[in-house]
Amino acid sequence: MNIVYFACKDKDESKKVAHTIIKEKLAFCANIIPGCHSIYRWKGKVEEAEESILIVKTFPHLVKKLIDRIKNLHSYQMPEIISWKIDDVSSDIVKWASDELKI
């Protein structure tokens, strides 16, 4: 499995993205963490923003489609989307996720 992590401008955008990618079976679970304070560099300046974090669980073969879809749904010009592979997952979670996504 993979975890895909990214920030959205607010909880409403996180919910919109999460509902869409779950309905489209690009992921089987999304966790929203509202109220994240981010400090980052953008176009040569240090910026700050209140954001909402999305942590999405999916399968490796869906990551590229998922990232493309997130970019399409996202309000940011260049959302920072990070994915990493998970080495160990309990077999009951793998079965549940596979059944939900019809894999």
N, C-alpha and C. Protein backbone atom coordinates (compact mmCIF):
# COMPACT_ATOMS: atom_id res chain seq x y z
N MET A 1 0.83 -1.18 0.00
CA MET A 1 0.00 0.00 0.00
C MET A 1 0.87 1.25 0.00
N ASN A 2 0.25 2.37 -0.32
CA ASN A 2 0.91 3.66 -0.29
C ASN A 2 0.11 4.65 0.54
N ILE A 3 0.83 5.58 1.12
CA ILE A 3 0.24 6.75 1.78
C ILE A 3 0.53 7.94 0.86
N VAL A 4 -0.48 8.73 0.60
CA VAL A 4 -0.33 9.97 -0.17
C VAL A 4 -0.71 11.11 0.76
N TYR A 5 0.19 12.07 0.89
CA TYR A 5 0.06 13.16 1.86
C TYR A 5 0.08 14.49 1.12
N PHE A 6 -0.83 15.40 1.49
CA PHE A 6 -0.82 16.74 0.91
C PHE A 6 -1.70 17.66 1.76
N ALA A 7 -1.49 18.95 1.57
CA ALA A 7 -2.27 19.97 2.29
C ALA A 7 -3.27 20.61 1.32
N CYS A 8 -4.38 21.03 1.88
CA CYS A 8 -5.40 21.79 1.15
C CYS A 8 -5.58 23.14 1.85
N LYS A 9 -6.24 24.07 1.15
CA LYS A 9 -6.39 25.42 1.71
C LYS A 9 -7.26 25.45 2.97
N ASP A 10 -8.20 24.49 3.11
CA ASP A 10 -9.06 24.44 4.28
C ASP A 10 -9.76 23.09 4.36
N LYS A 11 -10.52 22.90 5.43
CA LYS A 11 -11.20 21.62 5.64
C LYS A 11 -12.23 21.34 4.55
N ASP A 12 -12.92 22.37 4.07
CA ASP A 12 -13.92 22.16 3.01
C ASP A 12 -13.28 21.60 1.75
N GLU A 13 -12.13 22.14 1.36
CA GLU A 13 -11.45 21.61 0.17
C GLU A 13 -10.98 20.17 0.43
N SER A 14 -10.45 19.91 1.62
CA SER A 14 -10.03 18.55 1.96
C SER A 14 -11.19 17.57 1.84
N LYS A 15 -12.35 17.95 2.36
CA LYS A 15 -13.52 17.08 2.28
C LYS A 15 -13.95 16.85 0.84
N LYS A 16 -13.92 17.89 0.02
CA LYS A 16 -14.31 17.76 -1.38
C LYS A 16 -13.37 16.79 -2.10
N VAL A 17 -12.08 16.98 -1.92
CA VAL A 17 -11.10 16.10 -2.56
C VAL A 17 -11.26 14.67 -2.05
N ALA A 18 -11.38 14.51 -0.74
CA ALA A 18 -11.50 13.18 -0.16
C ALA A 18 -12.74 12.44 -0.67
N HIS A 19 -13.88 13.10 -0.66
CA HIS A 19 -15.10 12.46 -1.14
C HIS A 19 -14.96 12.04 -2.60
N THR A 20 -14.37 12.88 -3.42
CA THR A 20 -14.22 12.57 -4.84
C THR A 20 -13.32 11.37 -5.06
N ILE A 21 -12.14 11.36 -4.45
CA ILE A 21 -11.20 10.25 -4.71
C ILE A 21 -11.70 8.93 -4.11
N ILE A 22 -12.45 9.01 -3.03
CA ILE A 22 -13.02 7.77 -2.47
C ILE A 22 -14.14 7.26 -3.36
N LYS A 23 -15.03 8.15 -3.81
CA LYS A 23 -16.12 7.75 -4.71
C LYS A 23 -15.58 7.17 -6.01
N GLU A 24 -14.49 7.74 -6.51
CA GLU A 24 -13.90 7.28 -7.78
C GLU A 24 -12.99 6.06 -7.60
N LYS A 25 -12.91 5.53 -6.40
CA LYS A 25 -12.14 4.33 -6.07
C LYS A 25 -10.65 4.47 -6.40
N LEU A 26 -10.12 5.67 -6.20
CA LEU A 26 -8.68 5.90 -6.34
C LEU A 26 -7.98 5.68 -5.01
N ALA A 27 -8.75 5.60 -3.94
CA ALA A 27 -8.23 5.37 -2.60
C ALA A 27 -9.34 4.73 -1.79
N PHE A 28 -8.96 4.10 -0.67
CA PHE A 28 -9.97 3.44 0.15
C PHE A 28 -10.20 4.15 1.48
N CYS A 29 -9.34 5.12 1.84
CA CYS A 29 -9.52 5.85 3.09
C CYS A 29 -8.77 7.18 3.01
N ALA A 30 -9.35 8.21 3.58
CA ALA A 30 -8.69 9.52 3.66
C ALA A 30 -8.94 10.09 5.05
N ASN A 31 -7.88 10.55 5.67
CA ASN A 31 -7.97 11.20 6.98
C ASN A 31 -7.71 12.69 6.81
N ILE A 32 -8.58 13.50 7.38
CA ILE A 32 -8.44 14.95 7.32
C ILE A 32 -7.96 15.44 8.68
N ILE A 33 -6.90 16.22 8.65
CA ILE A 33 -6.38 16.83 9.87
C ILE A 33 -6.48 18.35 9.67
N PRO A 34 -7.51 18.98 10.23
CA PRO A 34 -7.69 20.42 10.05
C PRO A 34 -6.75 21.20 10.96
N GLY A 35 -6.59 22.47 10.67
CA GLY A 35 -5.87 23.36 11.56
C GLY A 35 -4.37 23.22 11.57
N CYS A 36 -3.79 22.93 10.44
CA CYS A 36 -2.33 22.83 10.34
C CYS A 36 -1.77 24.20 9.97
N HIS A 37 -0.78 24.65 10.70
CA HIS A 37 -0.11 25.92 10.40
C HIS A 37 1.16 25.61 9.63
N SER A 38 1.25 26.04 8.38
CA SER A 38 2.39 25.75 7.52
C SER A 38 3.26 26.98 7.31
N ILE A 39 4.56 26.77 7.30
CA ILE A 39 5.54 27.80 6.97
C ILE A 39 6.38 27.23 5.85
N TYR A 40 6.48 27.97 4.74
CA TYR A 40 7.13 27.43 3.55
C TYR A 40 7.71 28.56 2.70
N ARG A 41 8.56 28.17 1.77
CA ARG A 41 9.10 29.14 0.81
C ARG A 41 8.27 29.07 -0.46
N TRP A 42 7.92 30.24 -1.02
CA TRP A 42 7.18 30.31 -2.27
C TRP A 42 7.62 31.56 -3.02
N LYS A 43 8.18 31.35 -4.20
CA LYS A 43 8.63 32.44 -5.07
C LYS A 43 9.59 33.38 -4.34
N GLY A 44 10.54 32.79 -3.59
CA GLY A 44 11.58 33.56 -2.94
C GLY A 44 11.22 34.18 -1.61
N LYS A 45 10.00 33.97 -1.14
CA LYS A 45 9.56 34.55 0.13
C LYS A 45 9.16 33.45 1.11
N VAL A 46 9.30 33.76 2.39
CA VAL A 46 8.79 32.86 3.42
C VAL A 46 7.32 33.20 3.65
N GLU A 47 6.47 32.21 3.51
CA GLU A 47 5.02 32.39 3.64
C GLU A 47 4.50 31.55 4.81
N GLU A 48 3.31 31.91 5.29
CA GLU A 48 2.62 31.14 6.32
C GLU A 48 1.16 31.01 5.90
N ALA A 49 0.56 29.87 6.26
CA ALA A 49 -0.85 29.65 5.93
C ALA A 49 -1.46 28.63 6.89
N GLU A 50 -2.74 28.80 7.15
CA GLU A 50 -3.51 27.78 7.85
C GLU A 50 -4.02 26.82 6.78
N GLU A 51 -3.80 25.55 6.96
CA GLU A 51 -4.19 24.55 5.96
C GLU A 51 -4.86 23.37 6.64
N SER A 52 -5.30 22.45 5.82
CA SER A 52 -5.87 21.19 6.27
C SER A 52 -5.10 20.08 5.58
N ILE A 53 -4.68 19.07 6.33
CA ILE A 53 -3.87 17.98 5.80
C ILE A 53 -4.76 16.81 5.41
N LEU A 54 -4.45 16.19 4.30
CA LEU A 54 -5.11 14.95 3.89
C LEU A 54 -4.07 13.84 3.86
N ILE A 55 -4.38 12.74 4.51
CA ILE A 55 -3.56 11.53 4.45
C ILE A 55 -4.44 10.45 3.82
N VAL A 56 -4.01 9.98 2.66
CA VAL A 56 -4.83 9.09 1.84
C VAL A 56 -4.14 7.74 1.72
N LYS A 57 -4.92 6.66 1.84
CA LYS A 57 -4.39 5.32 1.69
C LYS A 57 -4.88 4.70 0.39
N THR A 58 -3.94 4.11 -0.36
CA THR A 58 -4.28 3.53 -1.65
C THR A 58 -3.30 2.40 -1.98
N PHE A 59 -3.43 1.86 -3.17
CA PHE A 59 -2.53 0.81 -3.65
C PHE A 59 -1.53 1.40 -4.64
N PRO A 60 -0.34 0.82 -4.73
CA PRO A 60 0.72 1.39 -5.59
C PRO A 60 0.28 1.63 -7.04
N HIS A 61 -0.49 0.72 -7.61
CA HIS A 61 -0.86 0.89 -9.02
C HIS A 61 -1.85 2.05 -9.25
N LEU A 62 -2.41 2.61 -8.18
CA LEU A 62 -3.35 3.73 -8.30
C LEU A 62 -2.71 5.09 -8.01
N VAL A 63 -1.46 5.11 -7.55
CA VAL A 63 -0.85 6.36 -7.09
C VAL A 63 -0.79 7.41 -8.18
N LYS A 64 -0.32 7.07 -9.37
CA LYS A 64 -0.20 8.07 -10.44
C LYS A 64 -1.57 8.67 -10.79
N LYS A 65 -2.58 7.83 -10.97
CA LYS A 65 -3.94 8.33 -11.27
C LYS A 65 -4.45 9.20 -10.12
N LEU A 66 -4.18 8.77 -8.90
CA LEU A 66 -4.62 9.52 -7.73
C LEU A 66 -3.97 10.91 -7.69
N ILE A 67 -2.67 10.97 -7.90
CA ILE A 67 -1.97 12.26 -7.89
C ILE A 67 -2.48 13.17 -9.00
N ASP A 68 -2.68 12.62 -10.19
CA ASP A 68 -3.23 13.42 -11.29
C ASP A 68 -4.61 13.97 -10.95
N ARG A 69 -5.43 13.15 -10.31
CA ARG A 69 -6.78 13.59 -9.94
C ARG A 69 -6.73 14.66 -8.85
N ILE A 70 -5.86 14.48 -7.87
CA ILE A 70 -5.70 15.49 -6.81
C ILE A 70 -5.31 16.83 -7.43
N LYS A 71 -4.35 16.81 -8.35
CA LYS A 71 -3.91 18.05 -9.01
C LYS A 71 -5.09 18.72 -9.73
N ASN A 72 -5.94 17.92 -10.34
CA ASN A 72 -7.10 18.44 -11.06
C ASN A 72 -8.13 19.07 -10.12
N LEU A 73 -8.30 18.50 -8.94
CA LEU A 73 -9.30 18.97 -7.98
C LEU A 73 -8.80 20.11 -7.09
N HIS A 74 -7.51 20.23 -6.96
CA HIS A 74 -6.88 21.11 -5.98
C HIS A 74 -6.90 22.57 -6.42
N SER A 75 -7.01 23.48 -5.45
CA SER A 75 -7.05 24.92 -5.75
C SER A 75 -5.65 25.52 -5.88
N TYR A 76 -4.63 24.86 -5.35
CA TYR A 76 -3.27 25.41 -5.41
C TYR A 76 -2.69 25.27 -6.81
N GLN A 77 -1.88 26.24 -7.18
CA GLN A 77 -1.18 26.21 -8.47
C GLN A 77 -0.27 24.99 -8.54
N MET A 78 0.38 24.66 -7.42
CA MET A 78 1.30 23.54 -7.39
C MET A 78 1.21 22.85 -6.02
N PRO A 79 0.21 21.97 -5.85
CA PRO A 79 0.10 21.29 -4.56
C PRO A 79 1.29 20.37 -4.31
N GLU A 80 1.77 20.36 -3.08
CA GLU A 80 2.87 19.47 -2.71
C GLU A 80 2.27 18.12 -2.31
N ILE A 81 2.39 17.16 -3.20
CA ILE A 81 1.82 15.83 -2.99
C ILE A 81 2.98 14.85 -2.83
N ILE A 82 2.98 14.16 -1.70
CA ILE A 82 4.06 13.23 -1.38
C ILE A 82 3.47 11.84 -1.18
N SER A 83 4.11 10.85 -1.78
CA SER A 83 3.66 9.47 -1.62
C SER A 83 4.81 8.60 -1.14
N TRP A 84 4.49 7.67 -0.25
CA TRP A 84 5.51 6.69 0.13
C TRP A 84 4.86 5.34 0.33
N LYS A 85 5.66 4.30 0.06
CA LYS A 85 5.20 2.92 0.15
C LYS A 85 5.24 2.47 1.60
N ILE A 86 4.21 1.73 1.98
CA ILE A 86 4.12 1.15 3.31
C ILE A 86 4.55 -0.31 3.20
N ASP A 87 5.51 -0.71 4.00
CA ASP A 87 6.04 -2.07 3.93
C ASP A 87 5.14 -3.10 4.58
N ASP A 88 4.57 -2.79 5.72
CA ASP A 88 3.76 -3.76 6.44
C ASP A 88 2.38 -3.22 6.72
N VAL A 89 1.38 -4.03 6.34
CA VAL A 89 -0.03 -3.69 6.58
C VAL A 89 -0.71 -4.98 7.02
N SER A 90 -1.58 -4.89 8.00
CA SER A 90 -2.26 -6.10 8.46
C SER A 90 -3.11 -6.69 7.33
N SER A 91 -3.15 -8.01 7.28
CA SER A 91 -3.83 -8.70 6.18
C SER A 91 -5.33 -8.38 6.14
N ASP A 92 -5.95 -8.15 7.29
CA ASP A 92 -7.37 -7.81 7.28
C ASP A 92 -7.63 -6.45 6.65
N ILE A 93 -6.71 -5.51 6.80
CA ILE A 93 -6.85 -4.20 6.15
C ILE A 93 -6.66 -4.34 4.64
N VAL A 94 -5.70 -5.12 4.23
CA VAL A 94 -5.47 -5.35 2.79
C VAL A 94 -6.72 -5.98 2.16
N LYS A 95 -7.31 -6.97 2.84
CA LYS A 95 -8.51 -7.60 2.30
C LYS A 95 -9.67 -6.62 2.23
N TRP A 96 -9.88 -5.87 3.31
CA TRP A 96 -10.96 -4.87 3.32
C TRP A 96 -10.78 -3.86 2.19
N ALA A 97 -9.57 -3.30 2.06
CA ALA A 97 -9.30 -2.30 1.04
C ALA A 97 -9.45 -2.88 -0.36
N SER A 98 -8.97 -4.10 -0.57
CA SER A 98 -9.10 -4.75 -1.88
C SER A 98 -10.56 -4.98 -2.23
N ASP A 99 -11.34 -5.42 -1.25
CA ASP A 99 -12.78 -5.64 -1.48
C ASP A 99 -13.48 -4.33 -1.82
N GLU A 100 -13.16 -3.25 -1.10
CA GLU A 100 -13.80 -1.96 -1.33
C GLU A 100 -13.49 -1.39 -2.71
N LEU A 101 -12.25 -1.57 -3.15
CA LEU A 101 -11.84 -1.04 -4.45
C LEU A 101 -12.02 -2.05 -5.57
N LYS A 102 -12.51 -3.22 -5.24
CA LYS A 102 -12.73 -4.30 -6.23
C LYS A 102 -11.46 -4.67 -6.95
N ILE A 103 -10.38 -4.81 -6.17
CA ILE A 103 -9.07 -5.16 -6.75
C ILE A 103 -8.89 -6.67 -6.65
